[in-house]
Amino acid sequence: MLARAAASAAAGVTPPSSPRALPIGIDEARLEPVHLDFDAEPHLLCFADGESGKTNLLRLLSRGITDQLTPEQARIVLLDYRRTLLGQIPDSHR
């Protein structure tokens, strides 16, 4: 995590607010990464029109959580009535 913060600082980019913050995209005005900090706000609700990227956001977040955090640090509860994310989350993080 320190390497990521050091790389951000060296590039002149604002570092994430928490070492456990997950990058979710690029701010179009500042052209800097946007991070979601679950330490500051542990819940996420995503509402949008069809075909706008909700499932891709959930896929990105689940991959980031399972890559950066241990099962003891994070559990994922995901409701997906279409079952498009079936198998995306490893048993260890459920």
PDB file of N, CA and C in Angstrom:
ATOM      1  N   MET A   1       0.814  -1.190   0.000  1.00  0.00           N
ATOM      2  CA  MET A   1       0.000   0.000   0.000  1.00  0.00           C
ATOM      3  C   MET A   1       0.864   1.262   0.000  1.00  0.00           C
ATOM      4  N   LEU A   2       1.983   1.213   0.693  1.00  0.00           N
ATOM      5  CA  LEU A   2       2.858   2.378   0.709  1.00  0.00           C
ATOM      6  C   LEU A   2       3.398   2.669  -0.676  1.00  0.00           C
ATOM      7  N   ALA A   3       3.676   1.636  -1.449  1.00  0.00           N
ATOM      8  CA  ALA A   3       4.185   1.836  -2.798  1.00  0.00           C
ATOM      9  C   ALA A   3       3.164   2.568  -3.660  1.00  0.00           C
ATOM     10  N   ARG A   4       1.888   2.237  -3.506  1.00  0.00           N
ATOM     11  CA  ARG A   4       0.839   2.902  -4.282  1.00  0.00           C
ATOM     12  C   ARG A   4       0.754   4.380  -3.913  1.00  0.00           C
ATOM     13  N   ALA A   5       0.818   4.686  -2.624  1.00  0.00           N
ATOM     14  CA  ALA A   5       0.767   6.088  -2.185  1.00  0.00           C
ATOM     15  C   ALA A   5       1.996   6.854  -2.659  1.00  0.00           C
ATOM     16  N   ALA A   6       3.162   6.218  -2.595  1.00  0.00           N
ATOM     17  CA  ALA A   6       4.391   6.873  -3.045  1.00  0.00           C
ATOM     18  C   ALA A   6       4.352   7.129  -4.547  1.00  0.00           C
ATOM     19  N   ALA A   7       3.847   6.168  -5.311  1.00  0.00           N
ATOM     20  CA  ALA A   7       3.732   6.347  -6.754  1.00  0.00           C
ATOM     21  C   ALA A   7       2.758   7.469  -7.086  1.00  0.00           C
ATOM     22  N   SER A   8       1.657   7.555  -6.356  1.00  0.00           N
ATOM     23  CA  SER A   8       0.684   8.625  -6.578  1.00  0.00           C
ATOM     24  C   SER A   8       1.306   9.984  -6.296  1.00  0.00           C
ATOM     25  N   ALA A   9       2.027  10.088  -5.188  1.00  0.00           N
ATOM     26  CA  ALA A   9       2.661  11.356  -4.812  1.00  0.00           C
ATOM     27  C   ALA A   9       3.720  11.753  -5.839  1.00  0.00           C
ATOM     28  N   ALA A  10       4.496  10.789  -6.310  1.00  0.00           N
ATOM     29  CA  ALA A  10       5.540  11.078  -7.294  1.00  0.00           C
ATOM     30  C   ALA A  10       4.947  11.549  -8.615  1.00  0.00           C
ATOM     31  N   ALA A  11       3.770  11.071  -8.951  1.00  0.00           N
ATOM     32  CA  ALA A  11       3.110  11.461 -10.199  1.00  0.00           C
ATOM     33  C   ALA A  11       2.321  12.754 -10.055  1.00  0.00           C
ATOM     34  N   GLY A  12       2.292  13.322  -8.843  1.00  0.00           N
ATOM     35  CA  GLY A  12       1.538  14.549  -8.619  1.00  0.00           C
ATOM     36  C   GLY A  12       0.051  14.319  -8.481  1.00  0.00           C
ATOM     37  N   VAL A  13      -0.343  13.104  -8.155  1.00  0.00           N
ATOM     38  CA  VAL A  13      -1.747  12.728  -8.018  1.00  0.00           C
ATOM     39  C   VAL A  13      -2.095  12.676  -6.541  1.00  0.00           C
ATOM     40  N   THR A  14      -3.288  13.127  -6.196  1.00  0.00           N
ATOM     41  CA  THR A  14      -3.744  13.069  -4.811  1.00  0.00           C
ATOM     42  C   THR A  14      -3.840  11.617  -4.369  1.00  0.00           C
ATOM     43  N   PRO A  15      -3.144  11.234  -3.286  1.00  0.00           N
ATOM     44  CA  PRO A  15      -3.199   9.840  -2.835  1.00  0.00           C
ATOM     45  C   PRO A  15      -4.577   9.524  -2.233  1.00  0.00           C
ATOM     46  N   PRO A  16      -4.940   8.249  -2.180  1.00  0.00           N
ATOM     47  CA  PRO A  16      -6.224   7.889  -1.582  1.00  0.00           C
ATOM     48  C   PRO A  16      -6.284   8.271  -0.117  1.00  0.00           C
ATOM     49  N   SER A  17      -7.500   8.485   0.385  1.00  0.00           N
ATOM     50  CA  SER A  17      -7.682   8.911   1.771  1.00  0.00           C
ATOM     51  C   SER A  17      -7.386   7.802   2.763  1.00  0.00           C
ATOM     52  N   SER A  18      -7.385   6.562   2.313  1.00  0.00           N
ATOM     53  CA  SER A  18      -7.133   5.414   3.173  1.00  0.00           C
ATOM     54  C   SER A  18      -6.312   4.395   2.396  1.00  0.00           C
ATOM     55  N   PRO A  19      -5.447   3.654   3.058  1.00  0.00           N
ATOM     56  CA  PRO A  19      -4.683   2.636   2.335  1.00  0.00           C
ATOM     57  C   PRO A  19      -5.568   1.514   1.784  1.00  0.00           C
ATOM     58  N   ARG A  20      -6.787   1.406   2.301  1.00  0.00           N
ATOM     59  CA  ARG A  20      -7.713   0.376   1.825  1.00  0.00           C
ATOM     60  C   ARG A  20      -8.710   0.908   0.802  1.00  0.00           C
ATOM     61  N   ALA A  21      -8.563   2.154   0.373  1.00  0.00           N
ATOM     62  CA  ALA A  21      -9.469   2.732  -0.623  1.00  0.00           C
ATOM     63  C   ALA A  21      -9.271   2.039  -1.970  1.00  0.00           C
ATOM     64  N   LEU A  22     -10.361   1.838  -2.683  1.00  0.00           N
ATOM     65  CA  LEU A  22     -10.328   1.142  -3.965  1.00  0.00           C
ATOM     66  C   LEU A  22     -10.503   2.124  -5.119  1.00  0.00           C
ATOM     67  N   PRO A  23      -9.639   2.056  -6.123  1.00  0.00           N
ATOM     68  CA  PRO A  23      -9.828   2.926  -7.289  1.00  0.00           C
ATOM     69  C   PRO A  23     -11.020   2.438  -8.115  1.00  0.00           C
ATOM     70  N   ILE A  24     -11.885   3.381  -8.524  1.00  0.00           N
ATOM     71  CA  ILE A  24     -13.069   2.991  -9.302  1.00  0.00           C
ATOM     72  C   ILE A  24     -13.174   3.723 -10.634  1.00  0.00           C
ATOM     73  N   GLY A  25     -12.297   4.670 -10.888  1.00  0.00           N
ATOM     74  CA  GLY A  25     -12.373   5.387 -12.154  1.00  0.00           C
ATOM     75  C   GLY A  25     -11.453   6.591 -12.166  1.00  0.00           C
ATOM     76  N   ILE A  26     -11.637   7.425 -13.175  1.00  0.00           N
ATOM     77  CA  ILE A  26     -10.828   8.636 -13.359  1.00  0.00           C
ATOM     78  C   ILE A  26     -11.752   9.851 -13.311  1.00  0.00           C
ATOM     79  N   ASP A  27     -11.383  10.834 -12.483  1.00  0.00           N
ATOM     80  CA  ASP A  27     -12.119  12.099 -12.424  1.00  0.00           C
ATOM     81  C   ASP A  27     -11.882  12.850 -13.729  1.00  0.00           C
ATOM     82  N   GLU A  28     -12.952  13.194 -14.433  1.00  0.00           N
ATOM     83  CA  GLU A  28     -12.791  13.807 -15.744  1.00  0.00           C
ATOM     84  C   GLU A  28     -12.240  15.229 -15.689  1.00  0.00           C
ATOM     85  N   ALA A  29     -12.441  15.943 -14.588  1.00  0.00           N
ATOM     86  CA  ALA A  29     -11.936  17.315 -14.496  1.00  0.00           C
ATOM     87  C   ALA A  29     -10.461  17.355 -14.105  1.00  0.00           C
ATOM     88  N   ARG A  30     -10.075  16.527 -13.129  1.00  0.00           N
ATOM     89  CA  ARG A  30      -8.693  16.541 -12.639  1.00  0.00           C
ATOM     90  C   ARG A  30      -7.814  15.469 -13.282  1.00  0.00           C
ATOM     91  N   LEU A  31      -8.443  14.523 -13.991  1.00  0.00           N
ATOM     92  CA  LEU A  31      -7.736  13.398 -14.608  1.00  0.00           C
ATOM     93  C   LEU A  31      -6.910  12.637 -13.578  1.00  0.00           C
ATOM     94  N   GLU A  32      -7.513  12.439 -12.411  1.00  0.00           N
ATOM     95  CA  GLU A  32      -6.894  11.694 -11.323  1.00  0.00           C
ATOM     96  C   GLU A  32      -7.798  10.527 -10.948  1.00  0.00           C
ATOM     97  N   PRO A  33      -7.201   9.486 -10.360  1.00  0.00           N
ATOM     98  CA  PRO A  33      -8.027   8.360  -9.922  1.00  0.00           C
ATOM     99  C   PRO A  33      -9.044   8.779  -8.864  1.00  0.00           C
ATOM    100  N   VAL A  34     -10.218   8.174  -8.926  1.00  0.00           N
ATOM    101  CA  VAL A  34     -11.266   8.350  -7.926  1.00  0.00           C
ATOM    102  C   VAL A  34     -11.278   7.077  -7.092  1.00  0.00           C
ATOM    103  N   HIS A  35     -11.246   7.246  -5.769  1.00  0.00           N
ATOM    104  CA  HIS A  35     -11.210   6.094  -4.866  1.00  0.00           C
ATOM    105  C   HIS A  35     -12.475   6.020  -4.039  1.00  0.00           C
ATOM    106  N   LEU A  36     -12.902   4.801  -3.772  1.00  0.00           N
ATOM    107  CA  LEU A  36     -14.028   4.552  -2.889  1.00  0.00           C
ATOM    108  C   LEU A  36     -13.452   4.071  -1.564  1.00  0.00           C
ATOM    109  N   ASP A  37     -13.724   4.820  -0.503  1.00  0.00           N
ATOM    110  CA  ASP A  37     -13.144   4.535   0.808  1.00  0.00           C
ATOM    111  C   ASP A  37     -14.195   3.909   1.708  1.00  0.00           C
ATOM    112  N   PHE A  38     -14.137   2.580   1.844  1.00  0.00           N
ATOM    113  CA  PHE A  38     -15.108   1.881   2.673  1.00  0.00           C
ATOM    114  C   PHE A  38     -14.830   2.066   4.159  1.00  0.00           C
ATOM    115  N   ASP A  39     -13.651   2.578   4.526  1.00  0.00           N
ATOM    116  CA  ASP A  39     -13.406   2.921   5.936  1.00  0.00           C
ATOM    117  C   ASP A  39     -14.249   4.131   6.332  1.00  0.00           C
ATOM    118  N   ALA A  40     -14.392   5.076   5.419  1.00  0.00           N
ATOM    119  CA  ALA A  40     -15.186   6.274   5.696  1.00  0.00           C
ATOM    120  C   ALA A  40     -16.680   6.014   5.527  1.00  0.00           C
ATOM    121  N   GLU A  41     -17.051   5.219   4.537  1.00  0.00           N
ATOM    122  CA  GLU A  41     -18.463   4.909   4.257  1.00  0.00           C
ATOM    123  C   GLU A  41     -18.554   3.433   3.865  1.00  0.00           C
ATOM    124  N   PRO A  42     -18.972   2.563   4.788  1.00  0.00           N
ATOM    125  CA  PRO A  42     -18.892   1.121   4.550  1.00  0.00           C
ATOM    126  C   PRO A  42     -19.969   0.536   3.631  1.00  0.00           C
ATOM    127  N   HIS A  43     -20.935   1.322   3.188  1.00  0.00           N
ATOM    128  CA  HIS A  43     -22.010   0.799   2.345  1.00  0.00           C
ATOM    129  C   HIS A  43     -22.034   1.530   1.012  1.00  0.00           C
ATOM    130  N   LEU A  44     -22.512   0.828  -0.016  1.00  0.00           N
ATOM    131  CA  LEU A  44     -22.613   1.416  -1.343  1.00  0.00           C
ATOM    132  C   LEU A  44     -23.941   1.005  -1.966  1.00  0.00           C
ATOM    133  N   LEU A  45     -24.669   1.975  -2.452  1.00  0.00           N
ATOM    134  CA  LEU A  45     -25.870   1.731  -3.254  1.00  0.00           C
ATOM    135  C   LEU A  45     -25.620   2.333  -4.624  1.00  0.00           C
ATOM    136  N   CYS A  46     -25.918   1.577  -5.660  1.00  0.00           N
ATOM    137  CA  CYS A  46     -25.692   2.041  -7.024  1.00  0.00           C
ATOM    138  C   CYS A  46     -27.017   2.011  -7.777  1.00  0.00           C
ATOM    139  N   PHE A  47     -27.520   3.176  -8.143  1.00  0.00           N
ATOM    140  CA  PHE A  47     -28.762   3.304  -8.904  1.00  0.00           C
ATOM    141  C   PHE A  47     -28.439   3.972 -10.231  1.00  0.00           C
ATOM    142  N   ALA A  48     -28.911   3.383 -11.324  1.00  0.00           N
ATOM    143  CA  ALA A  48     -28.677   3.991 -12.640  1.00  0.00           C
ATOM    144  C   ALA A  48     -29.588   3.318 -13.666  1.00  0.00           C
ATOM    145  N   ASP A  49     -29.631   3.895 -14.844  1.00  0.00           N
ATOM    146  CA  ASP A  49     -30.415   3.331 -15.940  1.00  0.00           C
ATOM    147  C   ASP A  49     -29.796   2.025 -16.411  1.00  0.00           C
ATOM    148  N   GLY A  50     -30.570   1.262 -17.173  1.00  0.00           N
ATOM    149  CA  GLY A  50     -30.064   0.032 -17.758  1.00  0.00           C
ATOM    150  C   GLY A  50     -28.897   0.297 -18.690  1.00  0.00           C
ATOM    151  N   GLU A  51     -27.987  -0.669 -18.759  1.00  0.00           N
ATOM    152  CA  GLU A  51     -26.817  -0.581 -19.639  1.00  0.00           C
ATOM    153  C   GLU A  51     -25.904   0.611 -19.321  1.00  0.00           C
ATOM    154  N   SER A  52     -25.861   1.022 -18.052  1.00  0.00           N
ATOM    155  CA  SER A  52     -25.020   2.170 -17.695  1.00  0.00           C
ATOM    156  C   SER A  52     -23.748   1.773 -16.948  1.00  0.00           C
ATOM    157  N   GLY A  53     -23.553   0.483 -16.669  1.00  0.00           N
ATOM    158  CA  GLY A  53     -22.312   0.040 -16.051  1.00  0.00           C
ATOM    159  C   GLY A  53     -22.412  -0.394 -14.602  1.00  0.00           C
ATOM    160  N   LYS A  54     -23.615  -0.610 -14.100  1.00  0.00           N
ATOM    161  CA  LYS A  54     -23.764  -1.019 -12.690  1.00  0.00           C
ATOM    162  C   LYS A  54     -23.081  -2.354 -12.427  1.00  0.00           C
ATOM    163  N   THR A  55     -23.284  -3.325 -13.302  1.00  0.00           N
ATOM    164  CA  THR A  55     -22.679  -4.641 -13.109  1.00  0.00           C
ATOM    165  C   THR A  55     -21.164  -4.551 -13.224  1.00  0.00           C
ATOM    166  N   ASN A  56     -20.671  -3.747 -14.151  1.00  0.00           N
ATOM    167  CA  ASN A  56     -19.217  -3.577 -14.268  1.00  0.00           C
ATOM    168  C   ASN A  56     -18.632  -2.921 -13.025  1.00  0.00           C
ATOM    169  N   LEU A  57     -19.354  -1.974 -12.429  1.00  0.00           N
ATOM    170  CA  LEU A  57     -18.897  -1.362 -11.185  1.00  0.00           C
ATOM    171  C   LEU A  57     -18.807  -2.416 -10.081  1.00  0.00           C
ATOM    172  N   LEU A  58     -19.824  -3.244  -9.966  1.00  0.00           N
ATOM    173  CA  LEU A  58     -19.804  -4.299  -8.945  1.00  0.00           C
ATOM    174  C   LEU A  58     -18.682  -5.298  -9.199  1.00  0.00           C
ATOM    175  N   ARG A  59     -18.439  -5.634 -10.453  1.00  0.00           N
ATOM    176  CA  ARG A  59     -17.349  -6.545 -10.801  1.00  0.00           C
ATOM    177  C   ARG A  59     -16.000  -5.915 -10.434  1.00  0.00           C
ATOM    178  N   LEU A  60     -15.822  -4.646 -10.747  1.00  0.00           N
ATOM    179  CA  LEU A  60     -14.588  -3.929 -10.417  1.00  0.00           C
ATOM    180  C   LEU A  60     -14.367  -3.877  -8.911  1.00  0.00           C
ATOM    181  N   LEU A  61     -15.416  -3.554  -8.163  1.00  0.00           N
ATOM    182  CA  LEU A  61     -15.292  -3.473  -6.708  1.00  0.00           C
ATOM    183  C   LEU A  61     -15.002  -4.835  -6.087  1.00  0.00           C
ATOM    184  N   SER A  62     -15.698  -5.864  -6.549  1.00  0.00           N
ATOM    185  CA  SER A  62     -15.465  -7.185  -5.966  1.00  0.00           C
ATOM    186  C   SER A  62     -14.046  -7.658  -6.249  1.00  0.00           C
ATOM    187  N   ARG A  63     -13.537  -7.396  -7.435  1.00  0.00           N
ATOM    188  CA  ARG A  63     -12.166  -7.774  -7.761  1.00  0.00           C
ATOM    189  C   ARG A  63     -11.169  -6.975  -6.915  1.00  0.00           C
ATOM    190  N   GLY A  64     -11.409  -5.687  -6.757  1.00  0.00           N
ATOM    191  CA  GLY A  64     -10.517  -4.866  -5.935  1.00  0.00           C
ATOM    192  C   GLY A  64     -10.509  -5.299  -4.485  1.00  0.00           C
ATOM    193  N   ILE A  65     -11.678  -5.609  -3.954  1.00  0.00           N
ATOM    194  CA  ILE A  65     -11.772  -6.049  -2.558  1.00  0.00           C
ATOM    195  C   ILE A  65     -11.056  -7.368  -2.363  1.00  0.00           C
ATOM    196  N   THR A  66     -11.298  -8.338  -3.237  1.00  0.00           N
ATOM    197  CA  THR A  66     -10.672  -9.653  -3.062  1.00  0.00           C
ATOM    198  C   THR A  66      -9.177  -9.618  -3.343  1.00  0.00           C
ATOM    199  N   ASP A  67      -8.718  -8.702  -4.198  1.00  0.00           N
ATOM    200  CA  ASP A  67      -7.282  -8.586  -4.472  1.00  0.00           C
ATOM    201  C   ASP A  67      -6.529  -7.883  -3.347  1.00  0.00           C
ATOM    202  N   GLN A  68      -7.146  -6.867  -2.725  1.00  0.00           N
ATOM    203  CA  GLN A  68      -6.436  -6.038  -1.748  1.00  0.00           C
ATOM    204  C   GLN A  68      -6.674  -6.426  -0.299  1.00  0.00           C
ATOM    205  N   LEU A  69      -7.779  -7.085  -0.014  1.00  0.00           N
ATOM    206  CA  LEU A  69      -8.140  -7.355   1.379  1.00  0.00           C
ATOM    207  C   LEU A  69      -8.295  -8.849   1.631  1.00  0.00           C
ATOM    208  N   THR A  70      -7.932  -9.261   2.827  1.00  0.00           N
ATOM    209  CA  THR A  70      -8.093 -10.660   3.212  1.00  0.00           C
ATOM    210  C   THR A  70      -9.555 -10.909   3.586  1.00  0.00           C
ATOM    211  N   PRO A  71      -9.966 -12.167   3.653  1.00  0.00           N
ATOM    212  CA  PRO A  71     -11.339 -12.466   4.076  1.00  0.00           C
ATOM    213  C   PRO A  71     -11.647 -11.959   5.488  1.00  0.00           C
ATOM    214  N   GLU A  72     -10.631 -11.859   6.333  1.00  0.00           N
ATOM    215  CA  GLU A  72     -10.848 -11.327   7.679  1.00  0.00           C
ATOM    216  C   GLU A  72     -11.091  -9.822   7.653  1.00  0.00           C
ATOM    217  N   GLN A  73     -10.568  -9.142   6.650  1.00  0.00           N
ATOM    218  CA  GLN A  73     -10.728  -7.698   6.542  1.00  0.00           C
ATOM    219  C   GLN A  73     -12.018  -7.300   5.837  1.00  0.00           C
ATOM    220  N   ALA A  74     -12.538  -8.159   4.970  1.00  0.00           N
ATOM    221  CA  ALA A  74     -13.728  -7.772   4.195  1.00  0.00           C
ATOM    222  C   ALA A  74     -14.534  -8.988   3.787  1.00  0.00           C
ATOM    223  N   ARG A  75     -15.831  -8.873   3.936  1.00  0.00           N
ATOM    224  CA  ARG A  75     -16.799  -9.849   3.431  1.00  0.00           C
ATOM    225  C   ARG A  75     -17.689  -9.125   2.433  1.00  0.00           C
ATOM    226  N   ILE A  76     -18.096  -9.835   1.399  1.00  0.00           N
ATOM    227  CA  ILE A  76     -18.934  -9.228   0.367  1.00  0.00           C
ATOM    228  C   ILE A  76     -20.313  -9.882   0.391  1.00  0.00           C
ATOM    229  N   VAL A  77     -21.332  -9.055   0.488  1.00  0.00           N
ATOM    230  CA  VAL A  77     -22.721  -9.514   0.369  1.00  0.00           C
ATOM    231  C   VAL A  77     -23.258  -8.855  -0.892  1.00  0.00           C
ATOM    232  N   LEU A  78     -23.560  -9.650  -1.880  1.00  0.00           N
ATOM    233  CA  LEU A  78     -23.967  -9.133  -3.176  1.00  0.00           C
ATOM    234  C   LEU A  78     -25.304  -9.754  -3.572  1.00  0.00           C
ATOM    235  N   LEU A  79     -26.256  -8.913  -3.924  1.00  0.00           N
ATOM    236  CA  LEU A  79     -27.555  -9.371  -4.419  1.00  0.00           C
ATOM    237  C   LEU A  79     -27.587  -9.133  -5.923  1.00  0.00           C
ATOM    238  N   ASP A  80     -27.696 -10.205  -6.687  1.00  0.00           N
ATOM    239  CA  ASP A  80     -27.678 -10.115  -8.145  1.00  0.00           C
ATOM    240  C   ASP A  80     -28.753 -11.033  -8.697  1.00  0.00           C
ATOM    241  N   TYR A  81     -29.952 -10.507  -8.874  1.00  0.00           N
ATOM    242  CA  TYR A  81     -31.074 -11.342  -9.296  1.00  0.00           C
ATOM    243  C   TYR A  81     -30.911 -11.884 -10.710  1.00  0.00           C
ATOM    244  N   ARG A  82     -30.096 -11.274 -11.536  1.00  0.00           N
ATOM    245  CA  ARG A  82     -29.855 -11.780 -12.886  1.00  0.00           C
ATOM    246  C   ARG A  82     -28.751 -12.840 -12.922  1.00  0.00           C
ATOM    247  N   ARG A  83     -28.031 -12.959 -11.839  1.00  0.00           N
ATOM    248  CA  ARG A  83     -26.948 -13.943 -11.686  1.00  0.00           C
ATOM    249  C   ARG A  83     -25.803 -13.726 -12.667  1.00  0.00           C
ATOM    250  N   THR A  84     -25.591 -12.495 -13.092  1.00  0.00           N
ATOM    251  CA  THR A  84     -24.482 -12.208 -14.006  1.00  0.00           C
ATOM    252  C   THR A  84     -23.137 -12.218 -13.289  1.00  0.00           C
ATOM    253  N   LEU A  85     -23.144 -12.075 -11.979  1.00  0.00           N
ATOM    254  CA  LEU A  85     -21.902 -12.079 -11.204  1.00  0.00           C
ATOM    255  C   LEU A  85     -21.691 -13.403 -10.471  1.00  0.00           C
ATOM    256  N   LEU A  86     -22.440 -14.414 -10.860  1.00  0.00           N
ATOM    257  CA  LEU A  86     -22.306 -15.727 -10.249  1.00  0.00           C
ATOM    258  C   LEU A  86     -20.887 -16.243 -10.434  1.00  0.00           C
ATOM    259  N   GLY A  87     -20.245 -16.590  -9.362  1.00  0.00           N
ATOM    260  CA  GLY A  87     -18.866 -17.085  -9.410  1.00  0.00           C
ATOM    261  C   GLY A  87     -17.812 -16.001  -9.381  1.00  0.00           C
ATOM    262  N   GLN A  88     -18.208 -14.742  -9.403  1.00  0.00           N
ATOM    263  CA  GLN A  88     -17.250 -13.635  -9.403  1.00  0.00           C
ATOM    264  C   GLN A  88     -16.556 -13.481  -8.057  1.00  0.00           C
ATOM    265  N   ILE A  89     -17.274 -13.746  -6.977  1.00  0.00           N
ATOM    266  CA  ILE A  89     -16.727 -13.567  -5.630  1.00  0.00           C
ATOM    267  C   ILE A  89     -16.281 -14.923  -5.097  1.00  0.00           C
ATOM    268  N   PRO A  90     -15.013 -15.045  -4.705  1.00  0.00           N
ATOM    269  CA  PRO A  90     -14.548 -16.324  -4.168  1.00  0.00           C
ATOM    270  C   PRO A  90     -15.244 -16.679  -2.859  1.00  0.00           C
ATOM    271  N   ASP A  91     -15.364 -17.961  -2.602  1.00  0.00           N
ATOM    272  CA  ASP A  91     -16.011 -18.435  -1.371  1.00  0.00           C
ATOM    273  C   ASP A  91     -15.373 -17.830  -0.130  1.00  0.00           C
ATOM    274  N   SER A  92     -14.080 -17.571  -0.183  1.00  0.00           N
ATOM    275  CA  SER A  92     -13.378 -17.044   0.987  1.00  0.00           C
ATOM    276  C   SER A  92     -13.906 -15.683   1.436  1.00  0.00           C
ATOM    277  N   HIS A  93     -14.446 -14.893   0.531  1.00  0.00           N
ATOM    278  CA  HIS A  93     -14.913 -13.538   0.847  1.00  0.00           C
ATOM    279  C   HIS A  93     -16.435 -13.446   0.988  1.00  0.00           C
ATOM    280  N   ARG A  94     -17.137 -14.558   0.920  1.00  0.00           N
ATOM    281  CA  ARG A  94     -18.597 -14.543   1.039  1.00  0.00           C
ATOM    282  C   ARG A  94     -19.012 -14.589   2.481  1.00  0.00           C
TER     283      ARG A  94
END
